[in-house]
Amino acid sequence: MKINLDRISAGLYRKGFAAALALACAFATATQAPAQTLKSPATPAIITPPAGTSAFLLGRATGTQGYVCLPTATGASWTVNGARPEATLFTSIYGLDIQIITHFLSPNTSPNEFAPNPLPFGNATWQSSLDSSKVWAQAQKSIPAGSDPSCPNNGSIPCLLLQVIGAEEGSAGGKSLNKTVYIQRLNTKAGVAPADGCATSTDVGKQSLVPYTADYYFFKKN
């Protein structure tokens, strides 16, 4: 069978060009907020950012929620304390899912006036995949999954309002995330602690990574 190398090369070129174009569009979307039209989601007042802010970026996350088994007065139980969230946030450009942000735990090296003192060993972190700018945030309020259309999936991790407690420019001066003042975690699905495996003192120290998905909305001052 004769293989048409020119046709294969042309196909690979088109795919590579499409990916590059999508990445460029994603960068423009994330860094040129005034040009993006994103409606702030309807949410209960308890997890709605204050007046004078608006959503400028949406990332759809796929990741894991970490749990560690710690001792309690009656045995042991799973807790998120000290565990590591890990997720990748995507946006869709021309039908392609493009990675725009990574979510993980890291030390807050540039705290603002809202940061706790002393700082914990690590805070929830969101870092741009496009220009490496970074923000840290801590949860302010939450609602249970299944309690509102913005958080519809029973038995999933809660939906949150988080306040930014630190921001840092990227390695080349990127600032696409630095304007973020609040983050909402909505439309959560799964991610709750395991139903078993942590009940007695012999289970203490076990860890578990539970898959979840969610939408993260990033808010800036108007």
Protein backbone atom coordinates (compact mmCIF):
# COMPACT_ATOMS: atom_id res chain seq x y z
CA MET A 1 0.00 0.00 0.00
CA LYS A 2 1.40 3.36 -1.02
CA ILE A 3 1.45 5.99 1.70
CA ASN A 4 0.90 9.59 0.62
CA LEU A 5 3.39 11.40 2.83
CA ASP A 6 2.48 14.80 1.40
CA ARG A 7 -1.16 14.31 2.40
CA ILE A 8 -0.17 13.16 5.91
CA SER A 9 2.17 16.13 6.32
CA ALA A 10 -0.53 18.51 5.16
CA GLY A 11 -3.00 17.01 7.65
CA LEU A 12 -0.55 17.30 10.51
CA TYR A 13 0.18 20.89 9.50
CA ARG A 14 -3.51 21.77 9.51
CA LYS A 15 -3.98 20.19 12.94
CA GLY A 16 -0.92 21.95 14.29
CA PHE A 17 -2.06 25.26 12.86
CA ALA A 18 -5.53 24.82 14.34
CA ALA A 19 -4.05 24.04 17.76
CA ALA A 20 -1.75 27.06 17.57
CA LEU A 21 -4.64 29.29 16.50
CA ALA A 22 -6.80 27.99 19.33
CA LEU A 23 -4.01 28.61 21.83
CA ALA A 24 -3.57 32.16 20.56
CA CYS A 25 -7.32 32.76 20.84
CA ALA A 26 -7.32 31.33 24.36
CA PHE A 27 -4.50 33.67 25.32
CA ALA A 28 -6.37 36.64 23.90
CA THR A 29 -9.54 35.58 25.69
CA ALA A 30 -7.78 35.25 29.04
CA THR A 31 -5.69 38.41 28.80
CA GLN A 32 -8.11 40.83 27.11
CA ALA A 33 -11.02 40.78 29.52
CA PRO A 34 -12.81 43.86 28.09
CA ALA A 35 -13.21 42.00 24.78
CA GLN A 36 -14.77 38.95 26.40
CA THR A 37 -18.49 38.81 27.09
CA LEU A 38 -19.08 36.55 30.07
CA LYS A 39 -22.27 36.76 32.06
CA SER A 40 -21.82 36.46 35.81
CA PRO A 41 -23.69 33.34 36.98
CA ALA A 42 -26.87 33.53 39.04
CA THR A 43 -26.03 32.21 42.49
CA PRO A 44 -27.36 32.45 46.06
CA ALA A 45 -26.36 35.64 47.83
CA ILE A 46 -24.13 33.79 50.27
CA ILE A 47 -21.69 32.76 47.51
CA THR A 48 -22.16 35.77 45.19
CA PRO A 49 -19.19 38.16 44.98
CA PRO A 50 -19.85 41.71 46.20
CA ALA A 51 -21.40 44.39 44.01
CA GLY A 52 -18.85 46.13 41.83
CA THR A 53 -17.32 42.90 40.54
CA SER A 54 -17.98 40.87 37.41
CA ALA A 55 -16.89 37.57 35.91
CA PHE A 56 -14.17 37.81 33.26
CA LEU A 57 -13.03 34.22 32.84
CA LEU A 58 -14.53 30.73 33.07
CA GLY A 59 -12.49 27.56 33.34
CA ARG A 60 -14.06 24.09 33.29
CA ALA A 61 -12.05 21.91 35.63
CA THR A 62 -11.23 18.23 35.70
CA GLY A 63 -9.19 17.06 38.65
CA THR A 64 -9.02 15.32 41.99
CA GLN A 65 -9.87 16.29 45.55
CA GLY A 66 -7.39 14.92 48.05
CA TYR A 67 -8.27 13.45 51.43
CA VAL A 68 -6.18 12.22 54.32
CA CYS A 69 -7.34 9.92 57.13
CA LEU A 70 -6.86 11.63 60.50
CA PRO A 71 -7.67 10.52 64.04
CA THR A 72 -10.86 11.61 65.81
CA ALA A 73 -12.21 11.13 69.33
CA THR A 74 -14.05 8.00 68.20
CA GLY A 75 -11.61 6.59 65.66
CA ALA A 76 -10.70 8.26 62.37
CA SER A 77 -12.29 10.10 59.45
CA TRP A 78 -11.42 11.52 56.05
CA THR A 79 -10.59 15.23 55.96
CA VAL A 80 -9.45 17.69 53.30
CA ASN A 81 -7.16 19.41 55.81
CA GLY A 82 -3.62 19.22 54.50
CA ALA A 83 -4.73 17.40 51.36
CA ARG A 84 -3.89 18.62 47.89
CA PRO A 85 -6.44 19.76 45.28
CA GLU A 86 -5.24 19.21 41.74
CA ALA A 87 -7.12 20.18 38.60
CA THR A 88 -6.70 21.41 35.05
CA LEU A 89 -9.01 24.14 33.78
CA PHE A 90 -10.05 24.27 30.14
CA THR A 91 -11.88 26.59 27.80
CA SER A 92 -13.37 25.66 24.44
CA ILE A 93 -12.11 27.55 21.38
CA TYR A 94 -13.48 26.57 17.97
CA GLY A 95 -14.48 23.21 19.38
CA LEU A 96 -11.08 22.46 20.90
CA ASP A 97 -10.55 22.16 24.67
CA ILE A 98 -7.53 24.31 25.50
CA GLN A 99 -5.81 24.21 28.90
CA ILE A 100 -5.75 27.69 30.42
CA ILE A 101 -5.11 27.22 34.16
CA THR A 102 -3.73 24.69 36.61
CA HIS A 103 -5.11 24.43 40.15
CA PHE A 104 -2.98 23.09 43.00
CA LEU A 105 -1.71 23.82 46.51
CA SER A 106 1.36 26.01 47.03
CA PRO A 107 2.88 28.49 49.51
CA ASN A 108 1.51 32.03 49.16
CA THR A 109 4.63 34.03 48.32
CA SER A 110 2.83 37.31 47.66
CA PRO A 111 0.05 37.74 50.26
CA ASN A 112 -2.31 40.71 50.22
CA GLU A 113 -4.19 42.42 53.05
CA PHE A 114 -6.83 39.66 53.13
CA ALA A 115 -4.33 36.85 53.74
CA PRO A 116 -4.38 35.19 57.18
CA ASN A 117 -1.49 35.82 59.54
CA PRO A 118 0.31 33.53 60.01
CA LEU A 119 -0.06 31.96 56.59
CA PRO A 120 -0.75 28.22 56.40
CA PHE A 121 1.83 25.98 54.78
CA GLY A 122 -0.06 26.22 51.48
CA ASN A 123 -3.09 27.84 49.86
CA ALA A 124 -5.30 26.90 46.94
CA THR A 125 -3.55 28.22 43.84
CA TRP A 126 -4.58 28.97 40.26
CA GLN A 127 -1.78 29.53 37.74
CA SER A 128 -2.26 30.60 34.14
CA SER A 129 -1.00 28.09 31.59
CA LEU A 130 -0.61 30.98 29.15
CA ASP A 131 1.56 33.51 30.99
CA SER A 132 2.25 31.80 34.38
CA SER A 133 0.57 34.56 36.43
CA LYS A 134 -0.80 33.18 39.69
CA VAL A 135 -3.39 33.85 42.41
CA TRP A 136 -4.03 32.28 45.80
CA ALA A 137 -7.48 32.20 47.40
CA GLN A 138 -9.28 30.94 50.48
CA ALA A 139 -12.89 29.85 50.86
CA GLN A 140 -15.29 32.37 52.42
CA LYS A 141 -18.71 30.74 52.06
CA SER A 142 -20.18 27.55 50.67
CA ILE A 143 -23.48 25.91 49.76
CA PRO A 144 -24.15 22.16 49.64
CA ALA A 145 -24.33 20.44 46.28
CA GLY A 146 -27.92 19.92 45.22
CA SER A 147 -29.18 23.06 46.97
CA ASP A 148 -29.34 25.43 43.96
CA PRO A 149 -29.39 25.30 40.13
CA SER A 150 -25.84 26.67 40.18
CA CYS A 151 -24.79 23.69 42.31
CA PRO A 152 -27.17 20.93 41.18
CA ASN A 153 -25.48 17.60 41.79
CA ASN A 154 -26.39 15.92 45.07
CA GLY A 155 -23.60 14.04 46.76
CA SER A 156 -20.83 16.22 45.31
CA ILE A 157 -18.35 18.60 46.91
CA PRO A 158 -19.79 22.01 47.92
CA CYS A 159 -19.89 25.08 45.74
CA LEU A 160 -17.73 27.92 47.03
CA LEU A 161 -17.01 31.61 47.06
CA LEU A 162 -13.29 32.21 47.49
CA GLN A 163 -11.49 35.50 48.08
CA VAL A 164 -8.08 36.12 46.55
CA ILE A 165 -5.40 36.48 49.24
CA GLY A 166 -2.36 36.89 47.01
CA ALA A 167 -1.31 37.41 43.41
CA GLU A 168 1.94 37.17 41.51
CA GLU A 169 3.01 38.11 37.99
CA GLY A 170 4.25 35.43 35.64
CA SER A 171 7.92 34.77 34.97
CA ALA A 172 7.84 37.13 31.96
CA GLY A 173 5.60 39.73 33.58
CA GLY A 174 2.26 38.14 32.64
CA LYS A 175 -0.77 39.47 34.51
CA SER A 176 -3.78 37.67 33.06
CA LEU A 177 -4.95 36.40 36.47
CA ASN A 178 -3.68 39.23 38.67
CA LYS A 179 -6.92 41.21 38.42
CA THR A 180 -8.86 38.38 40.06
CA VAL A 181 -10.48 39.34 43.38
CA TYR A 182 -12.96 36.47 43.83
CA ILE A 183 -13.39 32.95 42.47
CA GLN A 184 -16.56 30.87 42.42
CA ARG A 185 -16.56 27.08 42.26
CA LEU A 186 -19.89 25.99 40.77
CA ASN A 187 -21.53 22.99 39.08
CA THR A 188 -19.45 20.57 41.11
CA LYS A 189 -19.75 16.89 40.33
CA ALA A 190 -18.36 14.09 42.56
CA GLY A 191 -15.19 14.63 44.62
CA VAL A 192 -16.58 13.70 48.05
CA ALA A 193 -14.59 11.66 50.55
CA PRO A 194 -14.67 7.86 50.20
CA ALA A 195 -17.44 6.07 52.07
CA ASP A 196 -15.03 3.67 53.74
CA GLY A 197 -11.35 3.00 54.37
CA CYS A 198 -10.96 5.42 57.29
CA ALA A 199 -12.65 4.32 60.50
CA THR A 200 -10.06 3.17 63.03
CA SER A 201 -6.64 4.22 64.28
CA THR A 202 -5.02 1.67 61.98
CA ASP A 203 -6.34 3.65 58.99
CA VAL A 204 -4.73 6.94 60.06
CA GLY A 205 -2.37 8.28 57.43
CA LYS A 206 -4.14 6.79 54.44
CA GLN A 207 -4.72 9.15 51.53
CA SER A 208 -7.23 9.18 48.70
CA LEU A 209 -7.59 11.19 45.48
CA VAL A 210 -11.21 11.42 44.34
CA PRO A 211 -12.01 12.67 40.79
CA TYR A 212 -14.28 15.69 40.37
CA THR A 213 -15.35 18.29 37.83
CA ALA A 214 -16.43 21.89 38.40
CA ASP A 215 -16.73 25.32 36.81
CA TYR A 216 -14.47 28.07 38.13
CA TYR A 217 -15.55 31.67 37.52
CA PHE A 218 -12.94 34.41 38.00
CA PHE A 219 -14.15 37.86 39.07
CA LYS A 220 -12.48 41.26 38.78
CA LYS A 221 -13.39 44.74 40.00
CA ASN A 222 -15.48 46.70 37.52
